[in-house]
C-alpha atoms as a PDB file:
ATOM      1  CA  MET A   1     100.532  45.802  69.741  1.00  0.00           C
ATOM      2  CA  GLN A   2     103.515  48.112  69.289  1.00  0.00           C
ATOM      3  CA  SER A   3     101.879  49.491  66.153  1.00  0.00           C
ATOM      4  CA  LEU A   4      98.671  50.256  68.100  1.00  0.00           C
ATOM      5  CA  ASN A   5     100.630  52.003  70.884  1.00  0.00           C
ATOM      6  CA  PHE A   6     102.557  53.979  68.268  1.00  0.00           C
ATOM      7  CA  ARG A   7      99.302  55.087  66.604  1.00  0.00           C
ATOM      8  CA  ARG A   8      97.795  56.101  69.974  1.00  0.00           C
ATOM      9  CA  GLY A   9     100.938  58.053  70.832  1.00  0.00           C
ATOM     10  CA  SER A  10     100.918  59.703  67.408  1.00  0.00           C
ATOM     11  CA  MET A  11      97.256  60.647  67.763  1.00  0.00           C
ATOM     12  CA  LEU A  12      97.862  62.086  71.234  1.00  0.00           C
ATOM     13  CA  PHE A  13     100.849  64.069  69.951  1.00  0.00           C
ATOM     14  CA  LEU A  14      98.791  65.345  67.002  1.00  0.00           C
ATOM     15  CA  LEU A  15      95.936  66.366  69.303  1.00  0.00           C
ATOM     16  CA  LEU A  16      98.336  68.253  71.593  1.00  0.00           C
ATOM     17  CA  MET A  17      99.857  70.035  68.589  1.00  0.00           C
ATOM     18  CA  ILE A  18      96.411  71.096  67.359  1.00  0.00           C
ATOM     19  CA  VAL A  19      95.495  72.507  70.793  1.00  0.00           C
ATOM     20  CA  ALA A  20      98.849  74.329  71.066  1.00  0.00           C
ATOM     21  CA  ALA A  21      98.509  75.716  67.538  1.00  0.00           C
ATOM     22  CA  GLY A  22      95.030  77.009  68.353  1.00  0.00           C
ATOM     23  CA  ALA A  23      96.275  78.813  71.467  1.00  0.00           C
ATOM     24  CA  LEU A  24      99.211  80.317  69.556  1.00  0.00           C
ATOM     25  CA  ALA A  25      96.919  81.395  66.716  1.00  0.00           C
ATOM     26  CA  GLN A  26      94.624  83.163  69.173  1.00  0.00           C
ATOM     27  CA  MET A  27      97.588  85.062  70.679  1.00  0.00           C
ATOM     28  CA  HIS A  28      98.903  85.801  67.189  1.00  0.00           C
ATOM     29  CA  ASP A  29      95.491  87.085  66.039  1.00  0.00           C
ATOM     30  CA  MET A  30      95.321  89.481  68.989  1.00  0.00           C
ATOM     31  CA  LYS A  31      98.740  90.927  68.147  1.00  0.00           C
ATOM     32  CA  MET A  32      98.072  90.990  64.394  1.00  0.00           C
ATOM     33  CA  MET A  33      94.882  93.055  64.584  1.00  0.00           C
ATOM     34  CA  LYS A  34      94.871  96.034  62.288  1.00  0.00           C
ATOM     35  CA  GLY A  35      93.999  99.650  62.956  1.00  0.00           C
ATOM     36  CA  VAL A  36      93.947 101.460  66.273  1.00  0.00           C
ATOM     37  CA  LYS A  37      93.212  98.335  68.315  1.00  0.00           C
ATOM     38  CA  GLY A  38      96.042  96.356  66.737  1.00  0.00           C
ATOM     39  CA  SER A  39      98.530  99.183  67.147  1.00  0.00           C
ATOM     40  CA  PHE A  40      97.552  99.634  70.784  1.00  0.00           C
ATOM     41  CA  VAL A  41      97.872  95.943  71.656  1.00  0.00           C
ATOM     42  CA  ARG A  42     101.277  95.657  69.929  1.00  0.00           C
ATOM     43  CA  PHE A  43     102.737  98.760  71.576  1.00  0.00           C
ATOM     44  CA  SER A  44     101.142  98.000  74.941  1.00  0.00           C
ATOM     45  CA  SER A  45     102.499  94.429  74.915  1.00  0.00           C
ATOM     46  CA  ALA A  46     106.004  95.720  74.115  1.00  0.00           C
ATOM     47  CA  THR A  47     105.723  98.321  76.891  1.00  0.00           C
ATOM     48  CA  GLU A  48     104.622  95.606  79.328  1.00  0.00           C
ATOM     49  CA  GLU A  49     107.757  93.582  78.496  1.00  0.00           C
ATOM     50  CA  GLN A  50     109.931  96.621  79.201  1.00  0.00           C
ATOM     51  CA  PHE A  51     108.151  97.335  82.494  1.00  0.00           C
ATOM     52  CA  VAL A  52     108.487  93.747  83.687  1.00  0.00           C
ATOM     53  CA  SER A  53     112.155  93.763  82.680  1.00  0.00           C
ATOM     54  CA  LEU A  54     112.743  96.914  84.758  1.00  0.00           C
ATOM     55  CA  VAL A  55     110.778  95.539  87.708  1.00  0.00           C
ATOM     56  CA  ASN A  56     113.079  92.501  87.664  1.00  0.00           C
ATOM     57  CA  ALA A  57     116.261  94.559  87.194  1.00  0.00           C
ATOM     58  CA  VAL A  58     115.798  97.002  90.078  1.00  0.00           C
ATOM     59  CA  PRO A  59     117.089  95.521  93.364  1.00  0.00           C
ATOM     60  CA  GLN A  60     114.418  94.997  96.032  1.00  0.00           C
ATOM     61  CA  GLU A  61     116.226  97.324  98.458  1.00  0.00           C
ATOM     62  CA  LYS A  62     115.699 100.245  96.053  1.00  0.00           C
ATOM     63  CA  TYR A  63     111.920  99.942  95.865  1.00  0.00           C
ATOM     64  CA  ASN A  64     111.284 102.583  98.541  1.00  0.00           C
ATOM     65  CA  TRP A  65     113.767 105.041  96.985  1.00  0.00           C
ATOM     66  CA  ARG A  66     112.279 108.302  95.746  1.00  0.00           C
ATOM     67  CA  PRO A  67     114.065 111.205  94.019  1.00  0.00           C
ATOM     68  CA  ALA A  68     112.596 113.796  96.404  1.00  0.00           C
ATOM     69  CA  GLU A  69     110.166 114.088  99.294  1.00  0.00           C
ATOM     70  CA  GLY A  70     106.546 113.825  98.170  1.00  0.00           C
ATOM     71  CA  VAL A  71     107.433 112.220  94.827  1.00  0.00           C
ATOM     72  CA  ARG A  72     106.496 108.640  93.904  1.00  0.00           C
ATOM     73  CA  SER A  73     108.906 105.928  95.028  1.00  0.00           C
ATOM     74  CA  ILE A  74     110.171 103.299  92.598  1.00  0.00           C
ATOM     75  CA  ALA A  75     107.471 100.897  93.851  1.00  0.00           C
ATOM     76  CA  GLU A  76     104.770 103.546  93.471  1.00  0.00           C
ATOM     77  CA  SER A  77     105.937 104.488  89.973  1.00  0.00           C
ATOM     78  CA  PHE A  78     105.706 100.852  88.835  1.00  0.00           C
ATOM     79  CA  LEU A  79     102.252 100.516  90.376  1.00  0.00           C
ATOM     80  CA  HIS A  80     101.206 103.833  88.830  1.00  0.00           C
ATOM     81  CA  VAL A  81     101.165 102.277  85.366  1.00  0.00           C
ATOM     82  CA  ALA A  82      98.905  99.506  86.671  1.00  0.00           C
ATOM     83  CA  SER A  83      96.614 102.084  88.253  1.00  0.00           C
ATOM     84  CA  GLY A  84      96.523 104.060  84.997  1.00  0.00           C
ATOM     85  CA  ASN A  85      95.672 100.927  83.005  1.00  0.00           C
ATOM     86  CA  TYR A  86      92.758 100.217  85.325  1.00  0.00           C
ATOM     87  CA  ILE A  87      91.465 103.805  85.317  1.00  0.00           C
ATOM     88  CA  THR A  88      91.371 103.951  81.521  1.00  0.00           C
ATOM     89  CA  LEU A  89      89.935 100.419  81.353  1.00  0.00           C
ATOM     90  CA  LYS A  90      87.081 101.353  83.708  1.00  0.00           C
ATOM     91  CA  THR A  91      86.449 104.653  81.899  1.00  0.00           C
ATOM     92  CA  MET A  92      86.095 102.795  78.583  1.00  0.00           C
ATOM     93  CA  GLY A  93      83.519 100.459  80.148  1.00  0.00           C
ATOM     94  CA  GLY A  94      85.743  97.514  81.033  1.00  0.00           C
ATOM     95  CA  LYS A  95      85.734  95.552  84.283  1.00  0.00           C
ATOM     96  CA  VAL A  96      88.601  95.942  86.732  1.00  0.00           C
ATOM     97  CA  PRO A  97      89.664  92.528  88.133  1.00  0.00           C
ATOM     98  CA  ASP A  98      88.194  91.603  91.512  1.00  0.00           C
ATOM     99  CA  GLY A  99      90.222  92.622  94.553  1.00  0.00           C
ATOM    100  CA  ILE A 100      91.773  95.749  92.985  1.00  0.00           C
ATOM    101  CA  ASP A 101      91.363  98.920  95.042  1.00  0.00           C
ATOM    102  CA  MET A 102      92.399 101.601  92.559  1.00  0.00           C
ATOM    103  CA  MET A 103      92.523 104.277  95.281  1.00  0.00           C
ATOM    104  CA  LYS A 104      95.109 102.308  97.283  1.00  0.00           C
ATOM    105  CA  LEU A 105      96.938 100.358  94.572  1.00  0.00           C
ATOM    106  CA  GLU A 106      99.981 102.634  94.252  1.00  0.00           C
ATOM    107  CA  GLN A 107     100.757 102.405  97.976  1.00  0.00           C
ATOM    108  CA  SER A 108      99.675  98.776  98.370  1.00  0.00           C
ATOM    109  CA  THR A 109     103.111  97.102  98.352  1.00  0.00           C
ATOM    110  CA  SER A 110     106.815  97.553  97.785  1.00  0.00           C
ATOM    111  CA  ASP A 111     107.357  93.825  97.245  1.00  0.00           C
ATOM    112  CA  LYS A 112     109.017  93.266  93.865  1.00  0.00           C
ATOM    113  CA  ALA A 113     107.267  89.956  93.078  1.00  0.00           C
ATOM    114  CA  LYS A 114     103.818  91.370  93.906  1.00  0.00           C
ATOM    115  CA  ILE A 115     104.479  94.481  91.831  1.00  0.00           C
ATOM    116  CA  SER A 116     105.481  92.332  88.855  1.00  0.00           C
ATOM    117  CA  GLN A 117     102.192  90.409  89.163  1.00  0.00           C
ATOM    118  CA  GLU A 118     100.136  93.613  89.419  1.00  0.00           C
ATOM    119  CA  VAL A 119     101.813  95.153  86.364  1.00  0.00           C
ATOM    120  CA  LYS A 120     101.240  92.000  84.283  1.00  0.00           C
ATOM    121  CA  LYS A 121      97.626  91.693  85.453  1.00  0.00           C
ATOM    122  CA  SER A 122      96.830  95.299  84.518  1.00  0.00           C
ATOM    123  CA  PHE A 123      98.341  95.013  81.035  1.00  0.00           C
ATOM    124  CA  LYS A 124      96.485  91.748  80.416  1.00  0.00           C
ATOM    125  CA  ALA A 125      93.192  93.363  81.454  1.00  0.00           C
ATOM    126  CA  ILE A 126      93.503  96.445  79.268  1.00  0.00           C
ATOM    127  CA  ASN A 127      94.973  94.640  76.245  1.00  0.00           C
ATOM    128  CA  GLU A 128      92.212  92.033  76.244  1.00  0.00           C
ATOM    129  CA  TYR A 129      89.536  94.693  76.626  1.00  0.00           C
ATOM    130  CA  VAL A 130      90.862  96.835  73.782  1.00  0.00           C
ATOM    131  CA  ALA A 131      91.192  93.725  71.600  1.00  0.00           C
ATOM    132  CA  SER A 132      87.509  92.928  72.273  1.00  0.00           C
ATOM    133  CA  LEU A 133      86.226  96.357  71.169  1.00  0.00           C
ATOM    134  CA  SER A 134      84.305  96.718  67.929  1.00  0.00           C
ATOM    135  CA  ASP A 135      85.096  99.561  65.539  1.00  0.00           C
ATOM    136  CA  ALA A 136      81.785 101.148  66.565  1.00  0.00           C
ATOM    137  CA  ASP A 137      82.871 101.023  70.236  1.00  0.00           C
ATOM    138  CA  LEU A 138      85.782 103.340  69.435  1.00  0.00           C
ATOM    139  CA  THR A 139      83.361 106.198  68.698  1.00  0.00           C
ATOM    140  CA  ARG A 140      81.312 105.718  71.897  1.00  0.00           C
ATOM    141  CA  GLU A 141      81.503 108.754  74.175  1.00  0.00           C
ATOM    142  CA  VAL A 142      82.723 108.412  77.766  1.00  0.00           C
ATOM    143  CA  ASP A 143      83.332 110.795  80.642  1.00  0.00           C
ATOM    144  CA  PHE A 144      86.945 111.065  81.792  1.00  0.00           C
ATOM    145  CA  PHE A 145      87.097 113.224  84.917  1.00  0.00           C
ATOM    146  CA  GLY A 146      84.533 115.649  83.485  1.00  0.00           C
ATOM    147  CA  ASN A 147      85.916 115.611  79.942  1.00  0.00           C
ATOM    148  CA  LYS A 148      83.864 114.099  77.125  1.00  0.00           C
ATOM    149  CA  MET A 149      86.066 111.756  75.117  1.00  0.00           C
ATOM    150  CA  SER A 150      85.593 108.849  72.750  1.00  0.00           C
ATOM    151  CA  VAL A 151      86.731 105.330  73.611  1.00  0.00           C
ATOM    152  CA  GLY A 152      89.251 105.751  70.764  1.00  0.00           C
ATOM    153  CA  ASP A 153      90.624 108.840  72.539  1.00  0.00           C
ATOM    154  CA  MET A 154      90.951 106.787  75.731  1.00  0.00           C
ATOM    155  CA  VAL A 155      92.883 104.072  73.876  1.00  0.00           C
ATOM    156  CA  MET A 156      95.349 106.743  72.692  1.00  0.00           C
ATOM    157  CA  PHE A 157      95.461 108.291  76.163  1.00  0.00           C
ATOM    158  CA  SER A 158      96.264 104.908  77.692  1.00  0.00           C
ATOM    159  CA  SER A 159      99.125 104.300  75.252  1.00  0.00           C
ATOM    160  CA  ASN A 160     100.517 107.757  75.971  1.00  0.00           C
ATOM    161  CA  HIS A 161     100.273 107.219  79.737  1.00  0.00           C
ATOM    162  CA  GLN A 162     102.024 103.843  79.535  1.00  0.00           C
ATOM    163  CA  HIS A 163     104.974 105.355  77.655  1.00  0.00           C
ATOM    164  CA  GLU A 164     105.135 108.435  79.876  1.00  0.00           C
ATOM    165  CA  THR A 165     105.256 106.228  82.969  1.00  0.00           C
ATOM    166  CA  LEU A 166     107.852 103.951  81.351  1.00  0.00           C
ATOM    167  CA  GLY A 167     110.060 107.016  80.799  1.00  0.00           C
ATOM    168  CA  GLN A 168     109.784 107.858  84.485  1.00  0.00           C
ATOM    169  CA  ALA A 169     110.615 104.271  85.465  1.00  0.00           C
ATOM    170  CA  ILE A 170     113.687 104.298  83.193  1.00  0.00           C
ATOM    171  CA  ALA A 171     114.873 107.579  84.754  1.00  0.00           C
ATOM    172  CA  TYR A 172     114.394 106.146  88.264  1.00  0.00           C
ATOM    173  CA  ALA A 173     116.327 103.007  87.315  1.00  0.00           C
ATOM    174  CA  ARG A 174     119.168 105.019  85.775  1.00  0.00           C
ATOM    175  CA  MET A 175     119.406 107.205  88.882  1.00  0.00           C
ATOM    176  CA  ASN A 176     120.027 103.977  90.793  1.00  0.00           C
ATOM    177  CA  ASN A 177     122.663 102.671  88.344  1.00  0.00           C
ATOM    178  CA  VAL A 178     120.306 100.138  86.752  1.00  0.00           C
ATOM    179  CA  VAL A 179     120.698  99.862  82.988  1.00  0.00           C
ATOM    180  CA  PRO A 180     117.504  98.735  81.200  1.00  0.00           C
ATOM    181  CA  SER A 181     118.022  95.222  79.821  1.00  0.00           C
ATOM    182  CA  TRP A 182     117.195  96.196  76.235  1.00  0.00           C
ATOM    183  CA  THR A 183     119.862  98.942  76.375  1.00  0.00           C
ATOM    184  CA  ALA A 184     122.385  96.569  77.940  1.00  0.00           C
ATOM    185  CA  MET A 185     121.767  94.020  75.159  1.00  0.00           C
ATOM    186  CA  ARG A 186     122.188  96.675  72.462  1.00  0.00           C
ATOM    187  CA  GLU A 187     125.427  97.910  74.063  1.00  0.00           C
ATOM    188  CA  GLU A 188     126.697  94.317  74.233  1.00  0.00           C
ATOM    189  CA  ARG A 189     125.934  93.771  70.532  1.00  0.00           C
ATOM    190  CA  ILE A 190     127.845  96.954  69.664  1.00  0.00           C
ATOM    191  CA  LYS A 191     130.857  95.753  71.674  1.00  0.00           C
ATOM    192  CA  GLU A 192     130.793  92.365  69.980  1.00  0.00           C
ATOM    193  CA  ALA A 193     130.357  93.757  66.456  1.00  0.00           C
ATOM    194  CA  PRO A 194     133.466  93.421  64.316  1.00  0.00           C
ATOM    195  CA  LYS A 195     135.500  96.627  64.029  1.00  0.00           C
ATOM    196  CA  LYS A 196     135.681  98.087  60.522  1.00  0.00           C
END
């Protein structure tokens, strides 16, 4: 009887491992794509991690801070990257998740937890869409505010916009004495390194 229970437990464990391995392989495949799509997904995923890290690092009471009148607040700058992801996604032919009002998204909330969710949701949407494109899709022509561009151009534009907006978010954080976590970790490693 114990032997039968052991075999059932072993089979269940093996089945769970196979399912987990399949899910990990799918994630790994998306990040290991080659070419323009693979590069975009890798850089975009890394940028998402940095954005989420900054969202978490900035104190809630600073979310309505803005460097000057008429300039985006910290909350609006974080939501701007989400808005940009959705605009480029829609331009390329992708579907924006239900319930997203792109015209109002940037001013929709200053709640840190909600902003974190919106940022993650937007990166997931654009990364999955780009990963699903065929090589032929990259040459398809689209209209971007009156400019004729290829889907490949839009992928590059999106990557550029993500990094440009990340730079703004870093500057806003620094102006409020928030050190980005990846910089803090690097500085800590330098301090702990043995002196020569």
